[in-house]
Amino acid sequence: MKLIVGLGNPDKEYIGTRHNVGFSFVDFYLKEKKINVSWKSKFQGLFYETNISGEKVIFLKPQAYMNLSGTVVKQFMNFFKIDVSDLLVVSDDLDLKIGNFKLKDKGSCGGHNGLRNIEDCIHSQEYRRLKIGISNDKSKDTKDYVLGKFSHDEQKILETLFSELVAVMDDYFNIDFLSLMNRYNRKNR
């Protein structure tokens, strides 16, 4: 069983913000796969169970705010007996330009508070990530920037990227993660 976690903040005011790109991609993927989603609520998270490539998969959008995402993830991992090797977290990344992404199999949170809380709660940095670039505007306070909305042009770039990421996600369910990284990771362009 795999757990796919899209990170974001739950309130309507955060819809379309840079920090919610994890939520946005999970929604986009399920819609593109024509999966009629009926979200359920458990442990402060919205989740949907399905089967992909013969394996049970849970998509999760924690509703406890970004900085407390780990508490929700840990409860789901415990309840559904999900191993850390079957966890994939989709999050925003300030160090990647918009239109870029990176697959990562382990490492530090890189200053991302949602990832930091996940690491603190599951006591591991050995989990897989799909990091989606949101660029960085050093002239703005980081908190204000990540909670800001994408411009029209940025949204177009993101939609193109999301379309590309559907294939990445499909392959995630069918090939090992090292092969996935080798196939898709590229330089920040």
C-alpha atoms as a PDB file:
ATOM      1  CA  MET A   1       0.000   0.000   0.000  1.00  0.00           C
ATOM      2  CA  LYS A   2       1.249   3.460  -0.911  1.00  0.00           C
ATOM      3  CA  LEU A   3       0.489   6.803   0.737  1.00  0.00           C
ATOM      4  CA  ILE A   4       0.643   9.883  -1.499  1.00  0.00           C
ATOM      5  CA  VAL A   5       0.575  13.073   0.563  1.00  0.00           C
ATOM      6  CA  GLY A   6      -0.059  16.449  -1.038  1.00  0.00           C
ATOM      7  CA  LEU A   7       0.934  19.287   1.293  1.00  0.00           C
ATOM      8  CA  GLY A   8      -0.988  22.520   1.729  1.00  0.00           C
ATOM      9  CA  ASN A   9      -3.159  24.574   4.062  1.00  0.00           C
ATOM     10  CA  PRO A  10      -6.854  23.768   4.461  1.00  0.00           C
ATOM     11  CA  ASP A  11      -8.747  27.066   4.458  1.00  0.00           C
ATOM     12  CA  LYS A  12     -10.280  28.612   1.310  1.00  0.00           C
ATOM     13  CA  GLU A  13      -7.994  31.634   1.569  1.00  0.00           C
ATOM     14  CA  TYR A  14      -5.032  29.363   0.724  1.00  0.00           C
ATOM     15  CA  ILE A  15      -6.488  27.898  -2.490  1.00  0.00           C
ATOM     16  CA  GLY A  16      -4.162  28.718  -5.384  1.00  0.00           C
ATOM     17  CA  THR A  17      -1.245  29.753  -3.180  1.00  0.00           C
ATOM     18  CA  ARG A  18       2.316  28.606  -3.781  1.00  0.00           C
ATOM     19  CA  HIS A  19       2.385  26.650  -0.526  1.00  0.00           C
ATOM     20  CA  ASN A  20      -0.657  24.626  -1.657  1.00  0.00           C
ATOM     21  CA  VAL A  21       0.921  23.208  -4.792  1.00  0.00           C
ATOM     22  CA  GLY A  22       0.912  19.729  -3.201  1.00  0.00           C
ATOM     23  CA  PHE A  23      -2.876  19.818  -2.757  1.00  0.00           C
ATOM     24  CA  SER A  24      -3.242  21.220  -6.271  1.00  0.00           C
ATOM     25  CA  PHE A  25      -1.206  18.478  -7.921  1.00  0.00           C
ATOM     26  CA  VAL A  26      -3.009  15.649  -6.100  1.00  0.00           C
ATOM     27  CA  ASP A  27      -6.339  17.102  -7.248  1.00  0.00           C
ATOM     28  CA  PHE A  28      -5.024  17.547 -10.796  1.00  0.00           C
ATOM     29  CA  TYR A  29      -3.692  13.985 -10.974  1.00  0.00           C
ATOM     30  CA  LEU A  30      -6.917  12.390  -9.796  1.00  0.00           C
ATOM     31  CA  LYS A  31      -8.940  14.527 -12.204  1.00  0.00           C
ATOM     32  CA  GLU A  32      -6.642  13.672 -15.139  1.00  0.00           C
ATOM     33  CA  LYS A  33      -6.975   9.966 -14.348  1.00  0.00           C
ATOM     34  CA  LYS A  34     -10.762  10.446 -14.412  1.00  0.00           C
ATOM     35  CA  ILE A  35     -11.047   9.125 -10.871  1.00  0.00           C
ATOM     36  CA  ASN A  36     -14.342  10.222  -9.372  1.00  0.00           C
ATOM     37  CA  VAL A  37     -13.089  11.240  -5.934  1.00  0.00           C
ATOM     38  CA  SER A  38     -15.210  11.242  -2.820  1.00  0.00           C
ATOM     39  CA  TRP A  39     -12.926  12.512  -0.061  1.00  0.00           C
ATOM     40  CA  LYS A  40     -13.327  11.007   3.408  1.00  0.00           C
ATOM     41  CA  SER A  41     -12.168  12.586   6.647  1.00  0.00           C
ATOM     42  CA  LYS A  42      -9.967  10.927   9.277  1.00  0.00           C
ATOM     43  CA  PHE A  43      -7.222  12.073  11.668  1.00  0.00           C
ATOM     44  CA  GLN A  44      -7.460  15.705  10.467  1.00  0.00           C
ATOM     45  CA  GLY A  45      -6.929  14.652   6.881  1.00  0.00           C
ATOM     46  CA  LEU A  46      -8.945  14.306   3.703  1.00  0.00           C
ATOM     47  CA  PHE A  47      -8.166  10.980   2.063  1.00  0.00           C
ATOM     48  CA  TYR A  48      -9.204   8.849  -0.860  1.00  0.00           C
ATOM     49  CA  GLU A  49      -8.470   5.142  -1.312  1.00  0.00           C
ATOM     50  CA  THR A  50      -8.152   3.562  -4.738  1.00  0.00           C
ATOM     51  CA  ASN A  51      -6.242   0.866  -6.615  1.00  0.00           C
ATOM     52  CA  ILE A  52      -3.569   1.742  -9.147  1.00  0.00           C
ATOM     53  CA  SER A  53      -1.591  -0.889 -11.041  1.00  0.00           C
ATOM     54  CA  GLY A  54      -2.972  -3.556  -8.743  1.00  0.00           C
ATOM     55  CA  GLU A  55      -1.870  -1.835  -5.529  1.00  0.00           C
ATOM     56  CA  LYS A  56      -3.916  -0.048  -2.891  1.00  0.00           C
ATOM     57  CA  VAL A  57      -3.113   3.681  -2.829  1.00  0.00           C
ATOM     58  CA  ILE A  58      -4.227   6.357  -0.390  1.00  0.00           C
ATOM     59  CA  PHE A  59      -4.136   9.997  -1.454  1.00  0.00           C
ATOM     60  CA  LEU A  60      -4.014  12.340   1.541  1.00  0.00           C
ATOM     61  CA  LYS A  61      -4.395  16.090   2.014  1.00  0.00           C
ATOM     62  CA  PRO A  62      -3.607  16.921   5.670  1.00  0.00           C
ATOM     63  CA  GLN A  63      -6.005  19.496   7.113  1.00  0.00           C
ATOM     64  CA  ALA A  64      -3.958  20.429  10.191  1.00  0.00           C
ATOM     65  CA  TYR A  65      -2.065  23.271   8.446  1.00  0.00           C
ATOM     66  CA  MET A  66       1.325  22.919   6.818  1.00  0.00           C
ATOM     67  CA  ASN A  67       3.434  23.086   9.983  1.00  0.00           C
ATOM     68  CA  LEU A  68       1.491  20.190  11.554  1.00  0.00           C
ATOM     69  CA  SER A  69       1.299  17.923   8.495  1.00  0.00           C
ATOM     70  CA  GLY A  70       3.488  15.289  10.119  1.00  0.00           C
ATOM     71  CA  THR A  71       1.004  14.539  12.882  1.00  0.00           C
ATOM     72  CA  VAL A  72      -1.604  13.638  10.256  1.00  0.00           C
ATOM     73  CA  VAL A  73       0.851  11.646   8.119  1.00  0.00           C
ATOM     74  CA  LYS A  74       2.058   9.656  11.150  1.00  0.00           C
ATOM     75  CA  GLN A  75      -1.511   8.733  12.150  1.00  0.00           C
ATOM     76  CA  PHE A  76      -2.283   7.481   8.640  1.00  0.00           C
ATOM     77  CA  MET A  77       0.956   5.500   8.472  1.00  0.00           C
ATOM     78  CA  ASN A  78       0.211   3.868  11.822  1.00  0.00           C
ATOM     79  CA  PHE A  79      -3.466   3.156  11.143  1.00  0.00           C
ATOM     80  CA  PHE A  80      -2.953   1.719   7.640  1.00  0.00           C
ATOM     81  CA  LYS A  81       0.425   0.111   8.533  1.00  0.00           C
ATOM     82  CA  ILE A  82       2.290   1.966   5.791  1.00  0.00           C
ATOM     83  CA  ASP A  83       6.059   1.653   5.683  1.00  0.00           C
ATOM     84  CA  VAL A  84       8.144   4.808   5.237  1.00  0.00           C
ATOM     85  CA  SER A  85       9.391   3.364   1.920  1.00  0.00           C
ATOM     86  CA  ASP A  86       5.796   3.568   0.611  1.00  0.00           C
ATOM     87  CA  LEU A  87       5.365   7.254   1.487  1.00  0.00           C
ATOM     88  CA  LEU A  88       5.567   9.923  -1.241  1.00  0.00           C
ATOM     89  CA  VAL A  89       5.179  13.577  -0.225  1.00  0.00           C
ATOM     90  CA  VAL A  90       4.327  16.204  -2.850  1.00  0.00           C
ATOM     91  CA  SER A  91       5.411  19.693  -1.776  1.00  0.00           C
ATOM     92  CA  ASP A  92       6.441  23.131  -2.972  1.00  0.00           C
ATOM     93  CA  ASP A  93      10.135  24.036  -3.264  1.00  0.00           C
ATOM     94  CA  LEU A  94      11.530  27.578  -3.193  1.00  0.00           C
ATOM     95  CA  ASP A  95      14.880  26.492  -4.656  1.00  0.00           C
ATOM     96  CA  LEU A  96      13.327  25.228  -7.893  1.00  0.00           C
ATOM     97  CA  LYS A  97      12.060  27.611 -10.537  1.00  0.00           C
ATOM     98  CA  ILE A  98       8.419  27.417 -11.569  1.00  0.00           C
ATOM     99  CA  GLY A  99       8.124  24.733 -14.232  1.00  0.00           C
ATOM    100  CA  ASN A 100      10.733  22.521 -12.572  1.00  0.00           C
ATOM    101  CA  PHE A 101      10.453  19.551 -10.241  1.00  0.00           C
ATOM    102  CA  LYS A 102      12.733  17.117  -8.462  1.00  0.00           C
ATOM    103  CA  LEU A 103      12.269  13.595  -7.195  1.00  0.00           C
ATOM    104  CA  LYS A 104      14.191  12.880  -4.024  1.00  0.00           C
ATOM    105  CA  ASP A 105      14.457   9.671  -2.012  1.00  0.00           C
ATOM    106  CA  LYS A 106      15.859  11.081   1.238  1.00  0.00           C
ATOM    107  CA  GLY A 107      17.523  14.096   2.819  1.00  0.00           C
ATOM    108  CA  SER A 108      16.779  17.079   4.982  1.00  0.00           C
ATOM    109  CA  CYS A 109      13.641  19.199   4.889  1.00  0.00           C
ATOM    110  CA  GLY A 110      15.576  22.077   3.307  1.00  0.00           C
ATOM    111  CA  GLY A 111      13.840  24.591   5.589  1.00  0.00           C
ATOM    112  CA  HIS A 112      10.320  23.493   4.567  1.00  0.00           C
ATOM    113  CA  ASN A 113       8.228  23.470   7.752  1.00  0.00           C
ATOM    114  CA  GLY A 114       5.755  20.864   6.507  1.00  0.00           C
ATOM    115  CA  LEU A 115       8.554  18.460   5.628  1.00  0.00           C
ATOM    116  CA  ARG A 116      10.322  19.244   8.907  1.00  0.00           C
ATOM    117  CA  ASN A 117       7.208  18.272  10.870  1.00  0.00           C
ATOM    118  CA  ILE A 118       6.838  15.053   8.880  1.00  0.00           C
ATOM    119  CA  GLU A 119      10.475  14.163   9.634  1.00  0.00           C
ATOM    120  CA  ASP A 120       9.984  14.945  13.330  1.00  0.00           C
ATOM    121  CA  CYS A 121       6.833  12.818  13.528  1.00  0.00           C
ATOM    122  CA  ILE A 122       7.949   9.771  11.532  1.00  0.00           C
ATOM    123  CA  HIS A 123      11.520   9.973  12.912  1.00  0.00           C
ATOM    124  CA  SER A 124      13.060   9.633   9.468  1.00  0.00           C
ATOM    125  CA  GLN A 125      14.411  11.593   6.525  1.00  0.00           C
ATOM    126  CA  GLU A 126      14.314   8.439   4.390  1.00  0.00           C
ATOM    127  CA  TYR A 127      11.023   9.107   2.634  1.00  0.00           C
ATOM    128  CA  ARG A 128      10.342   9.954  -1.005  1.00  0.00           C
ATOM    129  CA  ARG A 129       9.399  13.390  -2.271  1.00  0.00           C
ATOM    130  CA  LEU A 130       8.131  15.061  -5.386  1.00  0.00           C
ATOM    131  CA  LYS A 131       9.247  18.666  -5.042  1.00  0.00           C
ATOM    132  CA  ILE A 132       7.500  21.187  -7.293  1.00  0.00           C
ATOM    133  CA  GLY A 133       9.241  24.482  -7.996  1.00  0.00           C
ATOM    134  CA  ILE A 134       7.568  27.721  -6.943  1.00  0.00           C
ATOM    135  CA  SER A 135      10.645  29.958  -7.471  1.00  0.00           C
ATOM    136  CA  ASN A 136      11.686  32.450  -4.825  1.00  0.00           C
ATOM    137  CA  ASP A 137      11.316  36.213  -4.650  1.00  0.00           C
ATOM    138  CA  LYS A 138      14.032  37.351  -2.243  1.00  0.00           C
ATOM    139  CA  SER A 139      12.526  40.855  -2.157  1.00  0.00           C
ATOM    140  CA  LYS A 140       9.509  39.481  -0.238  1.00  0.00           C
ATOM    141  CA  ASP A 141       9.222  37.892   3.172  1.00  0.00           C
ATOM    142  CA  THR A 142       9.272  34.113   2.649  1.00  0.00           C
ATOM    143  CA  LYS A 143       6.004  33.588   4.541  1.00  0.00           C
ATOM    144  CA  ASP A 144       4.211  36.227   2.468  1.00  0.00           C
ATOM    145  CA  TYR A 145       5.680  34.807  -0.732  1.00  0.00           C
ATOM    146  CA  VAL A 146       4.684  31.155  -0.163  1.00  0.00           C
ATOM    147  CA  LEU A 147       1.198  32.210   0.937  1.00  0.00           C
ATOM    148  CA  GLY A 148       0.812  34.411  -2.150  1.00  0.00           C
ATOM    149  CA  LYS A 149      -1.044  33.352  -5.279  1.00  0.00           C
ATOM    150  CA  PHE A 150       0.497  32.425  -8.618  1.00  0.00           C
ATOM    151  CA  SER A 151       0.330  34.995 -11.404  1.00  0.00           C
ATOM    152  CA  HIS A 152      -1.622  34.138 -14.565  1.00  0.00           C
ATOM    153  CA  ASP A 153       1.611  33.326 -16.432  1.00  0.00           C
ATOM    154  CA  GLU A 154       2.867  31.186 -13.546  1.00  0.00           C
ATOM    155  CA  GLN A 155      -0.419  29.267 -13.510  1.00  0.00           C
ATOM    156  CA  LYS A 156      -0.008  28.424 -17.201  1.00  0.00           C
ATOM    157  CA  ILE A 157       3.531  27.132 -16.572  1.00  0.00           C
ATOM    158  CA  LEU A 158       2.272  25.097 -13.625  1.00  0.00           C
ATOM    159  CA  GLU A 159      -0.544  23.522 -15.665  1.00  0.00           C
ATOM    160  CA  THR A 160       1.982  22.416 -18.287  1.00  0.00           C
ATOM    161  CA  LEU A 161       4.219  20.986 -15.577  1.00  0.00           C
ATOM    162  CA  PHE A 162       1.309  19.185 -13.902  1.00  0.00           C
ATOM    163  CA  SER A 163       0.471  17.530 -17.234  1.00  0.00           C
ATOM    164  CA  GLU A 164       4.074  16.278 -17.441  1.00  0.00           C
ATOM    165  CA  LEU A 165       3.944  15.094 -13.823  1.00  0.00           C
ATOM    166  CA  VAL A 166       0.982  12.825 -14.522  1.00  0.00           C
ATOM    167  CA  ALA A 167       3.374  10.540 -16.456  1.00  0.00           C
ATOM    168  CA  VAL A 168       5.894  10.744 -13.601  1.00  0.00           C
ATOM    169  CA  MET A 169       3.227   9.704 -11.115  1.00  0.00           C
ATOM    170  CA  ASP A 170       2.022   6.886 -13.359  1.00  0.00           C
ATOM    171  CA  ASP A 171       5.590   5.576 -13.542  1.00  0.00           C
ATOM    172  CA  TYR A 172       5.955   5.920  -9.757  1.00  0.00           C
ATOM    173  CA  PHE A 173       3.406   3.130  -9.424  1.00  0.00           C
ATOM    174  CA  ASN A 174       5.219   0.875 -11.903  1.00  0.00           C
ATOM    175  CA  ILE A 175       9.001   1.251 -11.576  1.00  0.00           C
ATOM    176  CA  ASP A 176      11.479   1.469  -8.705  1.00  0.00           C
ATOM    177  CA  PHE A 177      12.220   4.922  -7.333  1.00  0.00           C
ATOM    178  CA  LEU A 178      15.883   5.033  -8.402  1.00  0.00           C
ATOM    179  CA  SER A 179      14.847   4.344 -12.000  1.00  0.00           C
ATOM    180  CA  LEU A 180      12.153   7.003 -11.658  1.00  0.00           C
ATOM    181  CA  MET A 181      14.696   9.609 -10.485  1.00  0.00           C
ATOM    182  CA  ASN A 182      17.125   8.645 -13.248  1.00  0.00           C
ATOM    183  CA  ARG A 183      14.403   8.930 -15.868  1.00  0.00           C
ATOM    184  CA  TYR A 184      12.927  12.267 -14.815  1.00  0.00           C
ATOM    185  CA  ASN A 185      15.290  14.382 -12.716  1.00  0.00           C
ATOM    186  CA  ARG A 186      16.960  17.164 -14.674  1.00  0.00           C
ATOM    187  CA  LYS A 187      18.785  20.407 -14.081  1.00  0.00           C
ATOM    188  CA  ASN A 188      16.822  23.441 -12.892  1.00  0.00           C
ATOM    189  CA  ARG A 189      16.067  25.257 -16.165  1.00  0.00           C
END
